[in-house]
Amino acid sequence: MLLNKARLDSLLRNSDFEVLIVGKPENAIYMTNFHPMGSRTIRDRLTYVLYFKDEGITPIVLSPSIDVGHVRELSWIPEDNIVGYTEFPTGHDTGLVTDKFGYIAGVLREHGLDDATIGIEASFLSSYLMEAFQKSLPKATLVDCSQILREARAVKSPEEIRRLRLAAEATEKGCRRMIELAAAGETEIRIASEAKAASMLAGAETIGFSAVGGGPRSARVHNNPRNIPVKPGDVFRFDYGALCDGYWGDLARSYVFGRKPTPEQQRIYDTVSKAQEAALEAVKPGVTAGEIHRVAVAAGRTVDPTLRREHVGHGVGLEVHEEPILRAGNDMIIEPGMVLCVEVGKYVPEVGGFQVEDTVVVTESGIEVLSSLPKTLALSS
C-alpha cells in the first residue's frame, strides 16, 4: 500500500475534517494504489476518493468508467466501493454515475455528513469544480485540506520507499550514460536521448525532465537539450529524473571533461559542493528543514559570500517537489521515512551551471544516500 494510513488517520483525528474529498491525481494515486497514465496527462480526468475520519467507514472511489476495472484490480479498497462515472454521457450509461457531484453529496448525506466540515483540495481544483461541490453540498463547510495531505505524504510508506529506490536506480543509469557520451563530445540531444533509453531499459516508465547543457547553456537552469556538442573545458550539467511506478528520481551533477577546470569554475563548484555536503551532514531526525538550509548556505558562503539559495532541497515522491522544502523559515521537523533531494546550485552566465543533487532516505540515525555518481568537477574521459 502506498498510503501511510496510520499517519493520515492520526492527522485527520486531530483536524476539524469529518471527511476528505480528494481529486488531485497524485493524492488519488496515493489513496488508491492506482497509477493511471491518464491522471498525469489528462489533468481534468479525475478520480475522486472519499476518505472518512470515522475509520469504520470504508473509503469510496469514484473513477472514470474506462478505469474502473483497473482500479479494482490494483486498489486495496473493496470492489463494491469503487464506482464508475461517465465523462461524456451517451444515453446508454446503465450502472454508471452521470452526476458525480450529486453522487458524492448523496453518499455524504447517507452518513450524515452533508452539513459537516469537509476537506477539499481548494488549492488544486478549478473554480468550476469548487462551485459545483458547493452547490451540491450547500450546508457543508468546505475547507482546503491540501496541507494535511502534504504532511501525510511527507513520511513515506515502505512501498513508496521501494519505488523511490527503483526510480533512483533508473535515473542513475541514465546519468551514467550521459557522462560517457558527454566525455566523448557528443551533442546534448544525443546525450539526453540515450540517457532516456538507458533509464527506460532499467525499468523507468518515462522520463519526467532532462535539463542537459554544455558551456554557457549549462547555466540555463531548465535547459532543453539541443544539437550542440559538449566541448573540452565546457561545464556540462544535467538535472534529470526518471519515473518508476509513479515515483520520481532526481539527480544532478556538473562536470568538466578534457581540460583542467579554470580557477573560476573550480571556485564556483567548491562553493556548491561545500554547501551540499553540509546539508547532507545536517539531515537527521529532529532538525527542522529551515536549519538544514541555514547550515548549507553558511557553509557555501565560507567559499563565496555571495551564495544565494531559496532552498537546498525538497521531498520527493509522487511529485518532484514535496514537503519538506528545505528553505529558510520552514519549521517542519525531519522524520525517519522522509525521502529528500538535497541540492545546491549556482548558475553563472558565460561560465556555466554548477549543481550537485542527491536523493536520500532519512533513517533513525541519519541518511542513506541513493546515488553514487562522482562528485568532483574534473572528470577524466
Protein backbone atom coordinates (compact mmCIF):
# COMPACT_ATOMS: atom_id res chain seq x y z
CA MET A 1 0.00 0.00 0.00
CA LEU A 2 1.27 3.47 -0.92
CA LEU A 3 -0.87 5.19 1.69
CA ASN A 4 0.75 5.85 5.07
CA LYS A 5 -2.63 5.13 6.62
CA ALA A 6 -1.66 5.42 10.27
CA ARG A 7 -0.14 8.86 9.67
CA LEU A 8 -3.11 10.18 7.67
CA ASP A 9 -5.61 8.81 10.19
CA SER A 10 -3.72 10.50 13.03
CA LEU A 11 -3.63 13.82 11.21
CA LEU A 12 -7.33 13.53 10.39
CA ARG A 13 -8.27 12.76 14.01
CA ASN A 14 -6.54 15.96 15.08
CA SER A 15 -8.28 18.07 12.43
CA ASP A 16 -11.76 19.56 12.06
CA PHE A 17 -12.46 17.50 8.94
CA GLU A 18 -15.04 14.71 9.05
CA VAL A 19 -14.22 13.57 5.51
CA LEU A 20 -11.79 14.41 2.74
CA ILE A 21 -12.81 14.74 -0.91
CA VAL A 22 -9.60 14.02 -2.83
CA GLY A 23 -9.22 14.60 -6.57
CA LYS A 24 -5.68 15.76 -7.28
CA PRO A 25 -4.14 12.92 -9.31
CA GLU A 26 -1.10 12.40 -7.09
CA ASN A 27 -3.28 12.29 -3.98
CA ALA A 28 -5.75 9.89 -5.61
CA ILE A 29 -2.86 7.60 -6.60
CA TYR A 30 -1.62 7.76 -3.02
CA MET A 31 -5.04 6.87 -1.62
CA THR A 32 -5.89 4.05 -4.02
CA ASN A 33 -2.64 2.48 -5.37
CA PHE A 34 -4.00 3.12 -8.86
CA HIS A 35 -1.44 4.91 -11.03
CA PRO A 36 -3.04 5.63 -14.42
CA MET A 37 -1.31 7.24 -17.34
CA GLY A 38 -4.35 9.44 -17.89
CA SER A 39 -4.24 11.08 -14.47
CA ARG A 40 -0.88 12.66 -15.29
CA THR A 41 -1.55 13.62 -18.91
CA ILE A 42 -5.29 14.40 -18.92
CA ARG A 43 -5.49 16.59 -15.83
CA ASP A 44 -9.27 17.01 -15.87
CA ARG A 45 -9.91 13.24 -15.91
CA LEU A 46 -10.03 12.96 -12.15
CA THR A 47 -10.53 10.01 -9.85
CA TYR A 48 -12.24 11.11 -6.63
CA VAL A 49 -11.72 9.49 -3.24
CA LEU A 50 -13.89 10.00 -0.15
CA TYR A 51 -11.78 9.32 2.93
CA PHE A 52 -13.53 9.44 6.30
CA LYS A 53 -12.37 10.41 9.78
CA ASP A 54 -14.52 7.56 11.13
CA GLU A 55 -12.28 4.57 10.44
CA GLY A 56 -15.36 2.36 10.45
CA ILE A 57 -16.47 3.87 7.14
CA THR A 58 -14.62 2.40 4.15
CA PRO A 59 -13.30 4.91 1.59
CA ILE A 60 -15.22 5.30 -1.65
CA VAL A 61 -13.65 5.80 -5.07
CA LEU A 62 -15.43 7.47 -7.99
CA SER A 63 -13.45 6.72 -11.14
CA PRO A 64 -13.87 7.44 -14.86
CA SER A 65 -15.73 4.46 -16.30
CA ILE A 66 -12.84 3.41 -18.55
CA ASP A 67 -10.62 2.87 -15.50
CA VAL A 68 -12.96 1.11 -13.06
CA GLY A 69 -11.71 -2.42 -13.77
CA HIS A 70 -8.09 -1.34 -13.45
CA VAL A 71 -8.74 0.50 -10.16
CA ARG A 72 -10.46 -2.58 -8.74
CA GLU A 73 -7.51 -4.71 -9.78
CA LEU A 74 -4.88 -2.56 -8.08
CA SER A 75 -6.59 -0.89 -5.14
CA TRP A 76 -6.83 -2.05 -1.53
CA ILE A 77 -10.33 -0.55 -1.37
CA PRO A 78 -13.13 -3.15 -1.79
CA GLU A 79 -14.57 -3.51 -5.30
CA ASP A 80 -18.09 -2.53 -4.25
CA ASN A 81 -16.76 0.84 -3.08
CA ILE A 82 -15.21 1.62 -6.47
CA VAL A 83 -17.82 3.20 -8.73
CA GLY A 84 -17.58 4.40 -12.32
CA TYR A 85 -18.81 7.71 -13.70
CA THR A 86 -19.33 8.93 -17.25
CA GLU A 87 -17.15 11.72 -18.58
CA PHE A 88 -19.47 12.19 -21.54
CA PRO A 89 -22.98 10.72 -21.16
CA THR A 90 -24.09 8.59 -24.10
CA GLY A 91 -27.68 7.73 -23.19
CA HIS A 92 -26.56 4.13 -22.63
CA ASP A 93 -24.95 4.55 -19.22
CA THR A 94 -26.72 1.97 -17.08
CA GLY A 95 -24.79 1.26 -13.89
CA LEU A 96 -22.67 4.39 -14.15
CA VAL A 97 -22.85 7.65 -12.24
CA THR A 98 -23.83 10.51 -14.55
CA ASP A 99 -23.79 13.27 -11.91
CA LYS A 100 -20.60 12.86 -9.88
CA PHE A 101 -21.28 15.87 -7.66
CA GLY A 102 -24.77 14.65 -6.83
CA TYR A 103 -23.44 11.16 -6.16
CA ILE A 104 -20.78 12.39 -3.74
CA ALA A 105 -23.34 14.59 -1.96
CA GLY A 106 -25.69 11.60 -1.69
CA VAL A 107 -23.01 9.41 -0.12
CA LEU A 108 -22.19 12.08 2.44
CA ARG A 109 -25.88 12.62 3.17
CA GLU A 110 -26.28 8.89 3.89
CA HIS A 111 -23.55 9.17 6.53
CA GLY A 112 -25.00 12.36 7.99
CA LEU A 113 -22.05 14.42 6.77
CA ASP A 114 -23.67 16.74 4.23
CA ASP A 115 -23.53 19.59 6.79
CA ALA A 116 -20.07 18.71 8.16
CA THR A 117 -16.69 20.39 7.78
CA ILE A 118 -15.34 18.74 4.65
CA GLY A 119 -11.75 18.83 3.46
CA ILE A 120 -11.40 19.61 -0.23
CA GLU A 121 -8.36 20.48 -2.37
CA ALA A 122 -9.28 24.12 -2.92
CA SER A 123 -5.72 24.96 -3.94
CA PHE A 124 -5.91 22.39 -6.77
CA LEU A 125 -9.49 22.24 -8.01
CA SER A 126 -10.73 24.72 -10.59
CA SER A 127 -13.25 27.38 -9.60
CA TYR A 128 -15.82 25.49 -11.69
CA LEU A 129 -15.34 22.29 -9.67
CA MET A 130 -15.33 24.16 -6.36
CA GLU A 131 -18.61 25.86 -7.27
CA ALA A 132 -20.12 22.52 -8.31
CA PHE A 133 -19.20 20.92 -4.98
CA GLN A 134 -20.50 23.91 -3.02
CA LYS A 135 -23.77 23.84 -4.95
CA SER A 136 -24.25 20.09 -4.32
CA LEU A 137 -23.33 20.48 -0.61
CA PRO A 138 -24.94 23.81 0.35
CA LYS A 139 -24.97 23.10 4.11
CA ALA A 140 -21.39 21.88 4.30
CA THR A 141 -18.33 23.92 5.21
CA LEU A 142 -15.70 23.27 2.54
CA VAL A 143 -12.15 23.94 3.74
CA ASP A 144 -8.86 23.42 1.91
CA CYS A 145 -7.21 20.16 3.06
CA SER A 146 -4.09 20.36 0.89
CA GLN A 147 -1.75 20.85 3.85
CA ILE A 148 -2.92 17.75 5.72
CA LEU A 149 -2.31 15.66 2.59
CA ARG A 150 1.14 17.17 2.09
CA GLU A 151 2.01 16.34 5.69
CA ALA A 152 0.74 12.78 5.33
CA ARG A 153 2.78 12.20 2.19
CA ALA A 154 5.96 13.67 3.66
CA VAL A 155 6.79 10.43 5.50
CA LYS A 156 6.89 7.55 3.05
CA SER A 157 5.43 4.07 3.46
CA PRO A 158 7.72 1.06 2.83
CA GLU A 159 6.16 0.56 -0.61
CA GLU A 160 6.82 4.18 -1.53
CA ILE A 161 10.46 3.87 -0.49
CA ARG A 162 10.78 0.70 -2.59
CA ARG A 163 9.51 2.57 -5.64
CA LEU A 164 11.74 5.57 -4.95
CA ARG A 165 14.76 3.25 -4.85
CA LEU A 166 13.79 1.91 -8.27
CA ALA A 167 13.40 5.44 -9.59
CA ALA A 168 16.81 6.43 -8.21
CA GLU A 169 18.44 3.40 -9.83
CA ALA A 170 16.86 4.02 -13.23
CA THR A 171 17.73 7.72 -13.02
CA GLU A 172 21.36 6.98 -12.23
CA LYS A 173 21.59 4.51 -15.15
CA GLY A 174 20.60 7.33 -17.47
CA CYS A 175 23.03 9.77 -15.85
CA ARG A 176 25.95 7.36 -16.21
CA ARG A 177 25.19 7.11 -19.91
CA MET A 178 25.16 10.90 -20.13
CA ILE A 179 28.61 11.10 -18.55
CA GLU A 180 30.02 8.60 -21.07
CA LEU A 181 28.64 10.50 -24.05
CA ALA A 182 29.49 13.99 -22.78
CA ALA A 183 33.10 12.89 -22.19
CA ALA A 184 33.19 11.75 -25.82
CA GLY A 185 31.97 15.15 -27.05
CA GLU A 186 28.53 14.08 -28.25
CA THR A 187 25.66 16.52 -28.72
CA GLU A 188 23.28 17.46 -25.92
CA ILE A 189 20.34 15.92 -27.78
CA ARG A 190 22.05 12.57 -28.31
CA ILE A 191 23.24 12.56 -24.71
CA ALA A 192 19.69 13.14 -23.44
CA SER A 193 18.14 10.65 -25.87
CA GLU A 194 20.45 7.80 -24.96
CA ALA A 195 20.09 8.57 -21.26
CA LYS A 196 16.33 8.24 -21.58
CA ALA A 197 16.69 4.90 -23.33
CA ALA A 198 19.09 3.65 -20.64
CA SER A 199 16.68 4.63 -17.88
CA MET A 200 13.68 3.04 -19.55
CA LEU A 201 15.58 -0.19 -20.19
CA ALA A 202 16.38 -0.11 -16.45
CA GLY A 203 12.68 0.00 -15.57
CA ALA A 204 11.51 3.60 -15.90
CA GLU A 205 8.07 4.12 -17.39
CA THR A 206 9.01 7.56 -18.72
CA ILE A 207 11.42 10.44 -18.19
CA GLY A 208 9.95 13.44 -16.45
CA PHE A 209 12.68 16.01 -17.02
CA SER A 210 16.07 16.19 -18.68
CA ALA A 211 17.81 19.53 -18.26
CA VAL A 212 21.05 18.93 -20.16
CA GLY A 213 23.50 21.59 -21.29
CA GLY A 214 27.15 22.28 -22.04
CA GLY A 215 29.15 25.50 -21.81
CA PRO A 216 27.09 28.67 -21.24
CA ARG A 217 23.89 26.67 -21.85
CA SER A 218 24.58 24.72 -18.65
CA ALA A 219 23.74 27.92 -16.74
CA ARG A 220 20.14 27.78 -18.00
CA VAL A 221 18.52 26.08 -15.04
CA HIS A 222 15.87 24.24 -17.07
CA ASN A 223 17.74 23.97 -20.34
CA ASN A 224 16.26 21.88 -23.13
CA PRO A 225 18.97 19.85 -24.94
CA ARG A 226 19.90 20.88 -28.46
CA ASN A 227 22.03 19.53 -31.29
CA ILE A 228 25.16 21.16 -29.87
CA PRO A 229 28.29 19.17 -28.91
CA VAL A 230 29.90 19.29 -25.49
CA LYS A 231 33.40 20.71 -25.89
CA PRO A 232 36.57 20.10 -23.85
CA GLY A 233 36.68 22.57 -20.96
CA ASP A 234 32.92 23.19 -21.05
CA VAL A 235 30.91 22.84 -17.89
CA PHE A 236 28.47 20.01 -18.59
CA ARG A 237 25.44 19.95 -16.29
CA PHE A 238 22.41 17.69 -16.03
CA ASP A 239 19.36 17.69 -13.77
CA TYR A 240 17.48 14.53 -14.64
CA GLY A 241 14.62 12.41 -13.33
CA ALA A 242 13.05 9.10 -14.36
CA LEU A 243 9.60 7.99 -13.25
CA CYS A 244 9.11 4.43 -11.89
CA ASP A 245 5.70 3.14 -10.83
CA GLY A 246 4.57 6.73 -10.33
CA TYR A 247 7.57 7.86 -8.26
CA TRP A 248 10.32 10.28 -9.23
CA GLY A 249 14.07 10.14 -9.38
CA ASP A 250 16.00 13.41 -9.27
CA LEU A 251 19.77 13.62 -9.70
CA ALA A 252 22.11 16.43 -10.76
CA ARG A 253 25.83 16.89 -11.36
CA SER A 254 28.24 19.24 -13.15
CA TYR A 255 31.49 18.10 -14.76
CA VAL A 256 34.34 19.41 -16.90
CA PHE A 257 35.90 16.98 -19.40
CA GLY A 258 39.10 17.11 -21.41
CA ARG A 259 40.76 20.05 -19.67
CA LYS A 260 41.53 21.15 -16.16
CA PRO A 261 38.75 23.41 -14.78
CA THR A 262 39.59 27.11 -14.68
CA PRO A 263 40.09 28.68 -11.24
CA GLU A 264 36.70 30.40 -11.56
CA GLN A 265 34.92 27.17 -12.49
CA GLN A 266 36.56 25.36 -9.59
CA ARG A 267 35.73 28.11 -7.07
CA ILE A 268 32.05 28.13 -8.00
CA TYR A 269 31.89 24.34 -7.89
CA ASP A 270 33.64 24.27 -4.49
CA THR A 271 31.01 26.70 -3.16
CA VAL A 272 28.17 24.47 -4.30
CA SER A 273 29.85 21.25 -3.21
CA LYS A 274 30.67 22.52 0.28
CA ALA A 275 27.11 23.74 0.81
CA GLN A 276 25.60 20.47 -0.39
CA GLU A 277 27.89 18.35 1.79
CA ALA A 278 26.98 20.47 4.80
CA ALA A 279 23.30 19.98 4.02
CA LEU A 280 23.74 16.20 3.79
CA GLU A 281 25.54 16.16 7.14
CA ALA A 282 22.76 18.23 8.72
CA VAL A 283 19.91 15.94 7.68
CA LYS A 284 18.83 13.82 10.63
CA PRO A 285 15.62 13.21 12.58
CA GLY A 286 14.64 16.08 14.84
CA VAL A 287 16.15 19.01 12.95
CA THR A 288 13.99 21.44 11.03
CA ALA A 289 14.02 21.92 7.28
CA GLY A 290 14.95 25.55 7.89
CA GLU A 291 18.01 24.60 9.94
CA ILE A 292 19.33 22.45 7.08
CA HIS A 293 19.00 25.46 4.77
CA ARG A 294 20.82 27.71 7.25
CA VAL A 295 23.73 25.28 7.69
CA ALA A 296 24.14 24.71 3.94
CA VAL A 297 24.14 28.37 2.95
CA ALA A 298 26.54 29.28 5.76
CA ALA A 299 28.98 26.58 4.61
CA GLY A 300 28.82 27.71 0.98
CA ARG A 301 29.41 31.33 1.97
CA THR A 302 32.77 30.42 3.51
CA VAL A 303 33.91 29.99 -0.11
CA ASP A 304 31.66 32.53 -1.83
CA PRO A 305 29.94 35.12 0.39
CA THR A 306 27.51 35.95 -2.43
CA LEU A 307 25.87 32.47 -2.47
CA ARG A 308 22.08 32.78 -2.51
CA ARG A 309 19.76 29.82 -2.35
CA GLU A 310 15.99 29.95 -1.93
CA HIS A 311 16.05 26.27 -0.98
CA VAL A 312 18.63 23.49 -0.66
CA GLY A 313 16.34 20.58 -1.40
CA HIS A 314 12.88 19.11 -1.15
CA GLY A 315 10.91 16.00 -0.50
CA VAL A 316 10.32 13.71 -3.47
CA GLY A 317 7.69 11.09 -4.18
CA LEU A 318 4.64 11.15 -6.44
CA GLU A 319 5.67 14.74 -7.21
CA VAL A 320 9.17 16.03 -7.83
CA HIS A 321 8.82 18.74 -5.19
CA GLU A 322 7.04 17.72 -1.99
CA GLU A 323 7.29 18.67 1.66
CA PRO A 324 9.54 19.23 3.39
CA ILE A 325 11.04 22.04 1.30
CA LEU A 326 14.48 22.78 2.74
CA ARG A 327 14.02 26.55 2.86
CA ALA A 328 14.58 29.32 5.35
CA GLY A 329 11.87 29.52 7.98
CA ASN A 330 10.39 26.06 7.38
CA ASP A 331 9.83 24.61 10.87
CA MET A 332 8.78 21.18 9.60
CA ILE A 333 10.66 18.51 11.58
CA ILE A 334 12.69 15.94 9.66
CA GLU A 335 11.48 12.41 10.43
CA PRO A 336 12.62 8.86 9.62
CA GLY A 337 10.99 7.68 6.41
CA MET A 338 11.19 11.01 4.64
CA VAL A 339 12.89 10.92 1.24
CA LEU A 340 14.68 14.12 0.27
CA CYS A 341 16.57 15.52 -2.68
CA VAL A 342 19.41 17.57 -1.22
CA GLU A 343 20.68 20.05 -3.80
CA VAL A 344 22.67 23.23 -4.20
CA GLY A 345 23.31 25.04 -7.45
CA LYS A 346 24.76 28.27 -8.77
CA TYR A 347 24.25 29.36 -12.36
CA VAL A 348 26.64 31.95 -13.82
CA PRO A 349 26.04 33.22 -17.38
CA GLU A 350 29.02 32.75 -19.70
CA VAL A 351 30.71 30.48 -17.12
CA GLY A 352 28.27 27.63 -16.56
CA GLY A 353 25.83 25.91 -14.25
CA PHE A 354 27.16 24.20 -11.15
CA GLN A 355 24.81 21.82 -9.36
CA VAL A 356 25.08 18.81 -7.06
CA GLU A 357 21.99 16.87 -6.01
CA ASP A 358 21.46 13.52 -4.30
CA THR A 359 18.37 11.62 -3.16
CA VAL A 360 18.47 10.36 0.43
CA VAL A 361 16.26 8.31 2.73
CA VAL A 362 16.11 9.64 6.29
CA THR A 363 16.87 6.83 8.77
CA GLU A 364 16.67 6.71 12.57
CA SER A 365 20.27 7.93 12.85
CA GLY A 366 20.90 9.96 9.70
CA ILE A 367 20.57 9.26 5.99
CA GLU A 368 21.04 6.63 3.31
CA VAL A 369 22.23 8.16 0.05
CA LEU A 370 20.61 6.54 -3.01
CA SER A 371 23.04 7.93 -5.61
CA SER A 372 26.71 7.13 -6.20
CA LEU A 373 27.92 9.33 -9.08
CA PRO A 374 31.34 11.02 -8.77
CA LYS A 375 31.28 14.40 -7.04
CA THR A 376 34.39 16.05 -8.47
CA LEU A 377 34.20 18.78 -11.11
CA ALA A 378 37.07 17.44 -13.20
CA LEU A 379 36.26 14.04 -14.64
CA SER A 380 38.58 12.15 -16.96
CA SER A 381 37.13 10.66 -20.11
